[in-house]
Amino acid sequence: MEKTHYCQSCGMPMEDSLYGTEKDGTKSPDYCSYCYQNGTFTGEMTMEQMIDFCATPMAEHQPGMTEEKAKEMMRQFFPSLKRWRQQ
């Protein structure tokens, strides 16, 4: 069974077409194209701002999930992601 890779910024499950790019155009091994393009993050924000930004889409794509539940889950998961470990 293949291990699921998650964007190390927003926590989104990654598919091959979703990987962002490094400065040289190669695929980033860590980040999705929504968070990372051409070797830089697409938006400077705190972890809490990222959680607020991601809560609505996560709740919309998970039947029965509320935004508050999504935020609660992300607050537990995000500190383990590469972008947020130092915070």
PDB file of N, CA and C in Angstrom:
ATOM      1  N   MET A   1       0.842  -1.176   0.000  1.00  0.00           N
ATOM      2  CA  MET A   1       0.000   0.000   0.000  1.00  0.00           C
ATOM      3  C   MET A   1       0.893   1.248   0.000  1.00  0.00           C
ATOM      4  N   GLU A   2       0.571   2.216  -0.859  1.00  0.00           N
ATOM      5  CA  GLU A   2       1.363   3.417  -0.983  1.00  0.00           C
ATOM      6  C   GLU A   2       1.044   4.402   0.135  1.00  0.00           C
ATOM      7  N   LYS A   3       2.070   5.068   0.632  1.00  0.00           N
ATOM      8  CA  LYS A   3       1.891   6.060   1.680  1.00  0.00           C
ATOM      9  C   LYS A   3       1.403   7.368   1.062  1.00  0.00           C
ATOM     10  N   THR A   4       0.421   7.991   1.690  1.00  0.00           N
ATOM     11  CA  THR A   4      -0.088   9.267   1.211  1.00  0.00           C
ATOM     12  C   THR A   4       0.867  10.378   1.610  1.00  0.00           C
ATOM     13  N   HIS A   5       1.174  11.242   0.666  1.00  0.00           N
ATOM     14  CA  HIS A   5       1.997  12.410   0.937  1.00  0.00           C
ATOM     15  C   HIS A   5       1.069  13.598   1.134  1.00  0.00           C
ATOM     16  N   TYR A   6       1.435  14.469   2.057  1.00  0.00           N
ATOM     17  CA  TYR A   6       0.648  15.654   2.356  1.00  0.00           C
ATOM     18  C   TYR A   6       1.503  16.888   2.140  1.00  0.00           C
ATOM     19  N   CYS A   7       0.883  17.956   1.639  1.00  0.00           N
ATOM     20  CA  CYS A   7       1.594  19.219   1.519  1.00  0.00           C
ATOM     21  C   CYS A   7       2.093  19.607   2.904  1.00  0.00           C
ATOM     22  N   GLN A   8       3.352  19.971   2.998  1.00  0.00           N
ATOM     23  CA  GLN A   8       3.970  20.306   4.271  1.00  0.00           C
ATOM     24  C   GLN A   8       3.711  21.749   4.691  1.00  0.00           C
ATOM     25  N   SER A   9       2.702  22.362   4.048  1.00  0.00           N
ATOM     26  CA  SER A   9       2.262  23.696   4.421  1.00  0.00           C
ATOM     27  C   SER A   9       0.779  23.694   4.784  1.00  0.00           C
ATOM     28  N   CYS A  10      -0.067  23.136   3.894  1.00  0.00           N
ATOM     29  CA  CYS A  10      -1.517  23.169   4.129  1.00  0.00           C
ATOM     30  C   CYS A  10      -2.108  21.816   4.512  1.00  0.00           C
ATOM     31  N   GLY A  11      -1.326  20.756   4.421  1.00  0.00           N
ATOM     32  CA  GLY A  11      -1.797  19.436   4.822  1.00  0.00           C
ATOM     33  C   GLY A  11      -2.662  18.716   3.805  1.00  0.00           C
ATOM     34  N   MET A  12      -2.802  19.264   2.610  1.00  0.00           N
ATOM     35  CA  MET A  12      -3.632  18.642   1.582  1.00  0.00           C
ATOM     36  C   MET A  12      -2.988  17.354   1.075  1.00  0.00           C
ATOM     37  N   PRO A  13      -3.773  16.283   0.914  1.00  0.00           N
ATOM     38  CA  PRO A  13      -3.229  15.065   0.303  1.00  0.00           C
ATOM     39  C   PRO A  13      -2.731  15.386  -1.108  1.00  0.00           C
ATOM     40  N   MET A  14      -1.567  14.878  -1.445  1.00  0.00           N
ATOM     41  CA  MET A  14      -0.931  15.243  -2.705  1.00  0.00           C
ATOM     42  C   MET A  14      -1.126  14.182  -3.778  1.00  0.00           C
ATOM     43  N   GLU A  15      -1.461  14.663  -4.957  1.00  0.00           N
ATOM     44  CA  GLU A  15      -1.473  13.856  -6.174  1.00  0.00           C
ATOM     45  C   GLU A  15      -0.365  14.418  -7.051  1.00  0.00           C
ATOM     46  N   ASP A  16       0.075  13.642  -8.009  1.00  0.00           N
ATOM     47  CA  ASP A  16       1.202  14.036  -8.847  1.00  0.00           C
ATOM     48  C   ASP A  16       1.028  15.423  -9.465  1.00  0.00           C
ATOM     49  N   SER A  17      -0.170  15.766  -9.887  1.00  0.00           N
ATOM     50  CA  SER A  17      -0.397  17.038 -10.569  1.00  0.00           C
ATOM     51  C   SER A  17      -0.452  18.232  -9.618  1.00  0.00           C
ATOM     52  N   LEU A  18      -0.444  18.001  -8.320  1.00  0.00           N
ATOM     53  CA  LEU A  18      -0.595  19.085  -7.358  1.00  0.00           C
ATOM     54  C   LEU A  18       0.707  19.631  -6.778  1.00  0.00           C
ATOM     55  N   TYR A  19       1.834  19.018  -7.098  1.00  0.00           N
ATOM     56  CA  TYR A  19       3.093  19.466  -6.513  1.00  0.00           C
ATOM     57  C   TYR A  19       3.492  20.842  -7.034  1.00  0.00           C
ATOM     58  N   GLY A  20       3.967  21.691  -6.128  1.00  0.00           N
ATOM     59  CA  GLY A  20       4.495  22.988  -6.511  1.00  0.00           C
ATOM     60  C   GLY A  20       5.853  22.832  -7.169  1.00  0.00           C
ATOM     61  N   THR A  21       6.484  23.956  -7.461  1.00  0.00           N
ATOM     62  CA  THR A  21       7.764  23.917  -8.176  1.00  0.00           C
ATOM     63  C   THR A  21       8.864  24.667  -7.437  1.00  0.00           C
ATOM     64  N   GLU A  22      10.073  24.187  -7.664  1.00  0.00           N
ATOM     65  CA  GLU A  22      11.265  24.864  -7.164  1.00  0.00           C
ATOM     66  C   GLU A  22      11.667  25.940  -8.178  1.00  0.00           C
ATOM     67  N   LYS A  23      12.673  26.743  -7.842  1.00  0.00           N
ATOM     68  CA  LYS A  23      13.127  27.825  -8.737  1.00  0.00           C
ATOM     69  C   LYS A  23      13.533  27.314 -10.104  1.00  0.00           C
ATOM     70  N   ASP A  24      14.098  26.099 -10.146  1.00  0.00           N
ATOM     71  CA  ASP A  24      14.555  25.550 -11.422  1.00  0.00           C
ATOM     72  C   ASP A  24      13.453  24.832 -12.203  1.00  0.00           C
ATOM     73  N   GLY A  25      12.225  24.882 -11.684  1.00  0.00           N
ATOM     74  CA  GLY A  25      11.095  24.270 -12.385  1.00  0.00           C
ATOM     75  C   GLY A  25      10.803  22.835 -12.000  1.00  0.00           C
ATOM     76  N   THR A  26      11.679  22.207 -11.215  1.00  0.00           N
ATOM     77  CA  THR A  26      11.420  20.836 -10.785  1.00  0.00           C
ATOM     78  C   THR A  26      10.309  20.828  -9.734  1.00  0.00           C
ATOM     79  N   LYS A  27       9.682  19.667  -9.598  1.00  0.00           N
ATOM     80  CA  LYS A  27       8.612  19.536  -8.607  1.00  0.00           C
ATOM     81  C   LYS A  27       9.176  19.628  -7.201  1.00  0.00           C
ATOM     82  N   SER A  28       8.471  20.334  -6.365  1.00  0.00           N
ATOM     83  CA  SER A  28       8.840  20.380  -4.953  1.00  0.00           C
ATOM     84  C   SER A  28       8.473  19.046  -4.315  1.00  0.00           C
ATOM     85  N   PRO A  29       9.351  18.467  -3.512  1.00  0.00           N
ATOM     86  CA  PRO A  29       9.009  17.206  -2.862  1.00  0.00           C
ATOM     87  C   PRO A  29       8.075  17.395  -1.668  1.00  0.00           C
ATOM     88  N   ASP A  30       7.873  18.662  -1.249  1.00  0.00           N
ATOM     89  CA  ASP A  30       7.168  18.911   0.003  1.00  0.00           C
ATOM     90  C   ASP A  30       5.863  19.698  -0.088  1.00  0.00           C
ATOM     91  N   TYR A  31       5.718  20.532  -1.109  1.00  0.00           N
ATOM     92  CA  TYR A  31       4.615  21.499  -1.090  1.00  0.00           C
ATOM     93  C   TYR A  31       3.743  21.438  -2.339  1.00  0.00           C
ATOM     94  N   CYS A  32       2.465  21.780  -2.168  1.00  0.00           N
ATOM     95  CA  CYS A  32       1.521  21.800  -3.294  1.00  0.00           C
ATOM     96  C   CYS A  32       1.655  23.107  -4.080  1.00  0.00           C
ATOM     97  N   SER A  33       1.069  23.112  -5.253  1.00  0.00           N
ATOM     98  CA  SER A  33       1.156  24.284  -6.121  1.00  0.00           C
ATOM     99  C   SER A  33       0.340  25.463  -5.589  1.00  0.00           C
ATOM    100  N   TYR A  34      -0.607  25.214  -4.703  1.00  0.00           N
ATOM    101  CA  TYR A  34      -1.366  26.314  -4.105  1.00  0.00           C
ATOM    102  C   TYR A  34      -0.511  27.072  -3.086  1.00  0.00           C
ATOM    103  N   CYS A  35       0.399  26.376  -2.429  1.00  0.00           N
ATOM    104  CA  CYS A  35       1.225  26.966  -1.377  1.00  0.00           C
ATOM    105  C   CYS A  35       2.605  27.409  -1.849  1.00  0.00           C
ATOM    106  N   TYR A  36       3.103  26.814  -2.939  1.00  0.00           N
ATOM    107  CA  TYR A  36       4.517  26.975  -3.278  1.00  0.00           C
ATOM    108  C   TYR A  36       4.711  26.960  -4.786  1.00  0.00           C
ATOM    109  N   GLN A  37       5.302  28.034  -5.314  1.00  0.00           N
ATOM    110  CA  GLN A  37       5.588  28.112  -6.747  1.00  0.00           C
ATOM    111  C   GLN A  37       6.921  28.819  -6.948  1.00  0.00           C
ATOM    112  N   ASN A  38       7.701  28.304  -7.878  1.00  0.00           N
ATOM    113  CA  ASN A  38       8.998  28.905  -8.223  1.00  0.00           C
ATOM    114  C   ASN A  38       9.916  29.083  -7.014  1.00  0.00           C
ATOM    115  N   GLY A  39       9.854  28.134  -6.083  1.00  0.00           N
ATOM    116  CA  GLY A  39      10.768  28.148  -4.953  1.00  0.00           C
ATOM    117  C   GLY A  39      10.384  29.038  -3.787  1.00  0.00           C
ATOM    118  N   THR A  40       9.183  29.602  -3.826  1.00  0.00           N
ATOM    119  CA  THR A  40       8.745  30.459  -2.717  1.00  0.00           C
ATOM    120  C   THR A  40       7.285  30.163  -2.373  1.00  0.00           C
ATOM    121  N   PHE A  41       6.925  30.473  -1.139  1.00  0.00           N
ATOM    122  CA  PHE A  41       5.533  30.312  -0.729  1.00  0.00           C
ATOM    123  C   PHE A  41       4.677  31.370  -1.414  1.00  0.00           C
ATOM    124  N   THR A  42       3.481  30.995  -1.780  1.00  0.00           N
ATOM    125  CA  THR A  42       2.586  31.910  -2.491  1.00  0.00           C
ATOM    126  C   THR A  42       1.976  32.954  -1.568  1.00  0.00           C
ATOM    127  N   GLY A  43       2.021  32.707  -0.274  1.00  0.00           N
ATOM    128  CA  GLY A  43       1.499  33.674   0.685  1.00  0.00           C
ATOM    129  C   GLY A  43       2.225  33.560   2.010  1.00  0.00           C
ATOM    130  N   GLU A  44       2.591  34.702   2.562  1.00  0.00           N
ATOM    131  CA  GLU A  44       3.206  34.715   3.886  1.00  0.00           C
ATOM    132  C   GLU A  44       2.092  34.793   4.915  1.00  0.00           C
ATOM    133  N   MET A  45       2.053  33.813   5.793  1.00  0.00           N
ATOM    134  CA  MET A  45       1.027  33.778   6.824  1.00  0.00           C
ATOM    135  C   MET A  45       1.497  32.938   7.985  1.00  0.00           C
ATOM    136  N   THR A  46       0.810  33.100   9.085  1.00  0.00           N
ATOM    137  CA  THR A  46       1.104  32.278  10.252  1.00  0.00           C
ATOM    138  C   THR A  46       0.379  30.944  10.109  1.00  0.00           C
ATOM    139  N   MET A  47       0.723  30.010  10.967  1.00  0.00           N
ATOM    140  CA  MET A  47       0.036  28.729  10.955  1.00  0.00           C
ATOM    141  C   MET A  47      -1.462  28.928  11.223  1.00  0.00           C
ATOM    142  N   GLU A  48      -1.808  29.778  12.144  1.00  0.00           N
ATOM    143  CA  GLU A  48      -3.224  30.011  12.468  1.00  0.00           C
ATOM    144  C   GLU A  48      -3.958  30.631  11.277  1.00  0.00           C
ATOM    145  N   GLN A  49      -3.312  31.521  10.548  1.00  0.00           N
ATOM    146  CA  GLN A  49      -3.924  32.093   9.347  1.00  0.00           C
ATOM    147  C   GLN A  49      -4.139  31.021   8.286  1.00  0.00           C
ATOM    148  N   MET A  50      -3.189  30.099   8.153  1.00  0.00           N
ATOM    149  CA  MET A  50      -3.343  28.997   7.199  1.00  0.00           C
ATOM    150  C   MET A  50      -4.522  28.113   7.608  1.00  0.00           C
ATOM    151  N   ILE A  51      -4.644  27.843   8.884  1.00  0.00           N
ATOM    152  CA  ILE A  51      -5.762  27.033   9.378  1.00  0.00           C
ATOM    153  C   ILE A  51      -7.086  27.716   9.055  1.00  0.00           C
ATOM    154  N   ASP A  52      -7.184  29.004   9.320  1.00  0.00           N
ATOM    155  CA  ASP A  52      -8.410  29.748   9.004  1.00  0.00           C
ATOM    156  C   ASP A  52      -8.710  29.685   7.506  1.00  0.00           C
ATOM    157  N   PHE A  53      -7.661  29.827   6.690  1.00  0.00           N
ATOM    158  CA  PHE A  53      -7.814  29.801   5.230  1.00  0.00           C
ATOM    159  C   PHE A  53      -8.293  28.439   4.730  1.00  0.00           C
ATOM    160  N   CYS A  54      -7.798  27.369   5.338  1.00  0.00           N
ATOM    161  CA  CYS A  54      -8.092  26.006   4.877  1.00  0.00           C
ATOM    162  C   CYS A  54      -9.381  25.419   5.465  1.00  0.00           C
ATOM    163  N   ALA A  55      -9.895  25.985   6.525  1.00  0.00           N
ATOM    164  CA  ALA A  55     -11.040  25.388   7.228  1.00  0.00           C
ATOM    165  C   ALA A  55     -12.280  25.271   6.356  1.00  0.00           C
ATOM    166  N   THR A  56     -12.635  26.304   5.621  1.00  0.00           N
ATOM    167  CA  THR A  56     -13.843  26.265   4.794  1.00  0.00           C
ATOM    168  C   THR A  56     -13.752  25.203   3.710  1.00  0.00           C
ATOM    169  N   PRO A  57     -12.673  25.187   2.881  1.00  0.00           N
ATOM    170  CA  PRO A  57     -12.614  24.140   1.857  1.00  0.00           C
ATOM    171  C   PRO A  57     -12.594  22.727   2.442  1.00  0.00           C
ATOM    172  N   MET A  58     -11.910  22.550   3.571  1.00  0.00           N
ATOM    173  CA  MET A  58     -11.870  21.220   4.175  1.00  0.00           C
ATOM    174  C   MET A  58     -13.268  20.788   4.617  1.00  0.00           C
ATOM    175  N   ALA A  59     -13.998  21.691   5.257  1.00  0.00           N
ATOM    176  CA  ALA A  59     -15.354  21.370   5.708  1.00  0.00           C
ATOM    177  C   ALA A  59     -16.279  21.098   4.518  1.00  0.00           C
ATOM    178  N   GLU A  60     -16.112  21.852   3.437  1.00  0.00           N
ATOM    179  CA  GLU A  60     -16.947  21.664   2.248  1.00  0.00           C
ATOM    180  C   GLU A  60     -16.708  20.321   1.575  1.00  0.00           C
ATOM    181  N   HIS A  61     -15.494  19.789   1.672  1.00  0.00           N
ATOM    182  CA  HIS A  61     -15.156  18.537   0.989  1.00  0.00           C
ATOM    183  C   HIS A  61     -15.271  17.300   1.871  1.00  0.00           C
ATOM    184  N   GLN A  62     -15.636  17.471   3.131  1.00  0.00           N
ATOM    185  CA  GLN A  62     -15.805  16.349   4.049  1.00  0.00           C
ATOM    186  C   GLN A  62     -17.241  16.360   4.576  1.00  0.00           C
ATOM    187  N   PRO A  63     -18.093  15.485   4.085  1.00  0.00           N
ATOM    188  CA  PRO A  63     -19.487  15.473   4.525  1.00  0.00           C
ATOM    189  C   PRO A  63     -19.608  15.390   6.048  1.00  0.00           C
ATOM    190  N   GLY A  64     -20.418  16.272   6.603  1.00  0.00           N
ATOM    191  CA  GLY A  64     -20.679  16.271   8.036  1.00  0.00           C
ATOM    192  C   GLY A  64     -19.658  17.011   8.877  1.00  0.00           C
ATOM    193  N   MET A  65     -18.607  17.536   8.259  1.00  0.00           N
ATOM    194  CA  MET A  65     -17.584  18.243   9.030  1.00  0.00           C
ATOM    195  C   MET A  65     -17.920  19.730   9.114  1.00  0.00           C
ATOM    196  N   THR A  66     -17.750  20.297  10.297  1.00  0.00           N
ATOM    197  CA  THR A  66     -17.929  21.733  10.476  1.00  0.00           C
ATOM    198  C   THR A  66     -16.572  22.427  10.355  1.00  0.00           C
ATOM    199  N   GLU A  67     -16.601  23.733  10.156  1.00  0.00           N
ATOM    200  CA  GLU A  67     -15.346  24.488  10.095  1.00  0.00           C
ATOM    201  C   GLU A  67     -14.606  24.408  11.425  1.00  0.00           C
ATOM    202  N   GLU A  68     -15.324  24.433  12.524  1.00  0.00           N
ATOM    203  CA  GLU A  68     -14.675  24.347  13.838  1.00  0.00           C
ATOM    204  C   GLU A  68     -13.970  23.007  14.031  1.00  0.00           C
ATOM    205  N   LYS A  69     -14.607  21.927  13.601  1.00  0.00           N
ATOM    206  CA  LYS A  69     -13.987  20.605  13.697  1.00  0.00           C
ATOM    207  C   LYS A  69     -12.747  20.541  12.799  1.00  0.00           C
ATOM    208  N   ALA A  70     -12.849  21.119  11.595  1.00  0.00           N
ATOM    209  CA  ALA A  70     -11.702  21.154  10.685  1.00  0.00           C
ATOM    210  C   ALA A  70     -10.543  21.910  11.329  1.00  0.00           C
ATOM    211  N   LYS A  71     -10.827  23.050  11.949  1.00  0.00           N
ATOM    212  CA  LYS A  71      -9.781  23.836  12.608  1.00  0.00           C
ATOM    213  C   LYS A  71      -9.148  23.050  13.752  1.00  0.00           C
ATOM    214  N   GLU A  72      -9.968  22.367  14.518  1.00  0.00           N
ATOM    215  CA  GLU A  72      -9.468  21.560  15.628  1.00  0.00           C
ATOM    216  C   GLU A  72      -8.505  20.484  15.130  1.00  0.00           C
ATOM    217  N   MET A  73      -8.890  19.799  14.053  1.00  0.00           N
ATOM    218  CA  MET A  73      -8.038  18.751  13.481  1.00  0.00           C
ATOM    219  C   MET A  73      -6.730  19.334  12.953  1.00  0.00           C
ATOM    220  N   MET A  74      -6.815  20.474  12.264  1.00  0.00           N
ATOM    221  CA  MET A  74      -5.616  21.091  11.701  1.00  0.00           C
ATOM    222  C   MET A  74      -4.683  21.598  12.799  1.00  0.00           C
ATOM    223  N   ARG A  75      -5.232  22.103  13.894  1.00  0.00           N
ATOM    224  CA  ARG A  75      -4.379  22.562  15.006  1.00  0.00           C
ATOM    225  C   ARG A  75      -3.577  21.413  15.606  1.00  0.00           C
ATOM    226  N   GLN A  76      -4.080  20.223  15.508  1.00  0.00           N
ATOM    227  CA  GLN A  76      -3.353  19.052  15.992  1.00  0.00           C
ATOM    228  C   GLN A  76      -2.332  18.560  14.962  1.00  0.00           C
ATOM    229  N   PHE A  77      -2.673  18.642  13.675  1.00  0.00           N
ATOM    230  CA  PHE A  77      -1.851  18.090  12.598  1.00  0.00           C
ATOM    231  C   PHE A  77      -0.761  19.049  12.109  1.00  0.00           C
ATOM    232  N   PHE A  78      -1.075  20.327  11.969  1.00  0.00           N
ATOM    233  CA  PHE A  78      -0.155  21.280  11.349  1.00  0.00           C
ATOM    234  C   PHE A  78       1.196  21.405  12.052  1.00  0.00           C
ATOM    235  N   PRO A  79       1.274  21.359  13.384  1.00  0.00           N
ATOM    236  CA  PRO A  79       2.597  21.479  14.006  1.00  0.00           C
ATOM    237  C   PRO A  79       3.589  20.386  13.570  1.00  0.00           C
ATOM    238  N   SER A  80       3.103  19.295  13.014  1.00  0.00           N
ATOM    239  CA  SER A  80       4.003  18.242  12.528  1.00  0.00           C
ATOM    240  C   SER A  80       4.476  18.489  11.095  1.00  0.00           C
ATOM    241  N   LEU A  81       3.899  19.466  10.411  1.00  0.00           N
ATOM    242  CA  LEU A  81       4.270  19.758   9.025  1.00  0.00           C
ATOM    243  C   LEU A  81       5.554  20.591   8.973  1.00  0.00           C
ATOM    244  N   LYS A  82       6.350  20.364   7.957  1.00  0.00           N
ATOM    245  CA  LYS A  82       7.674  20.982   7.811  1.00  0.00           C
ATOM    246  C   LYS A  82       7.630  22.511   7.943  1.00  0.00           C
ATOM    247  N   ARG A  83       6.671  23.161   7.305  1.00  0.00           N
ATOM    248  CA  ARG A  83       6.614  24.623   7.319  1.00  0.00           C
ATOM    249  C   ARG A  83       6.381  25.183   8.725  1.00  0.00           C
ATOM    250  N   TRP A  84       5.685  24.441   9.559  1.00  0.00           N
ATOM    251  CA  TRP A  84       5.254  24.975  10.856  1.00  0.00           C
ATOM    252  C   TRP A  84       6.020  24.393  12.046  1.00  0.00           C
ATOM    253  N   ARG A  85       6.916  23.484  11.846  1.00  0.00           N
ATOM    254  CA  ARG A  85       7.636  22.845  12.959  1.00  0.00           C
ATOM    255  C   ARG A  85       8.413  23.816  13.824  1.00  0.00           C
ATOM    256  N   GLN A  86       8.972  24.840  13.249  1.00  0.00           N
ATOM    257  CA  GLN A  86       9.810  25.783  14.008  1.00  0.00           C
ATOM    258  C   GLN A  86       8.974  26.754  14.841  1.00  0.00           C
ATOM    259  N   GLN A  87       7.686  26.841  14.576  1.00  0.00           N
ATOM    260  CA  GLN A  87       6.850  27.816  15.294  1.00  0.00           C
ATOM    261  C   GLN A  87       6.364  27.294  16.610  1.00  0.00           C
TER     262      GLN A  87
END
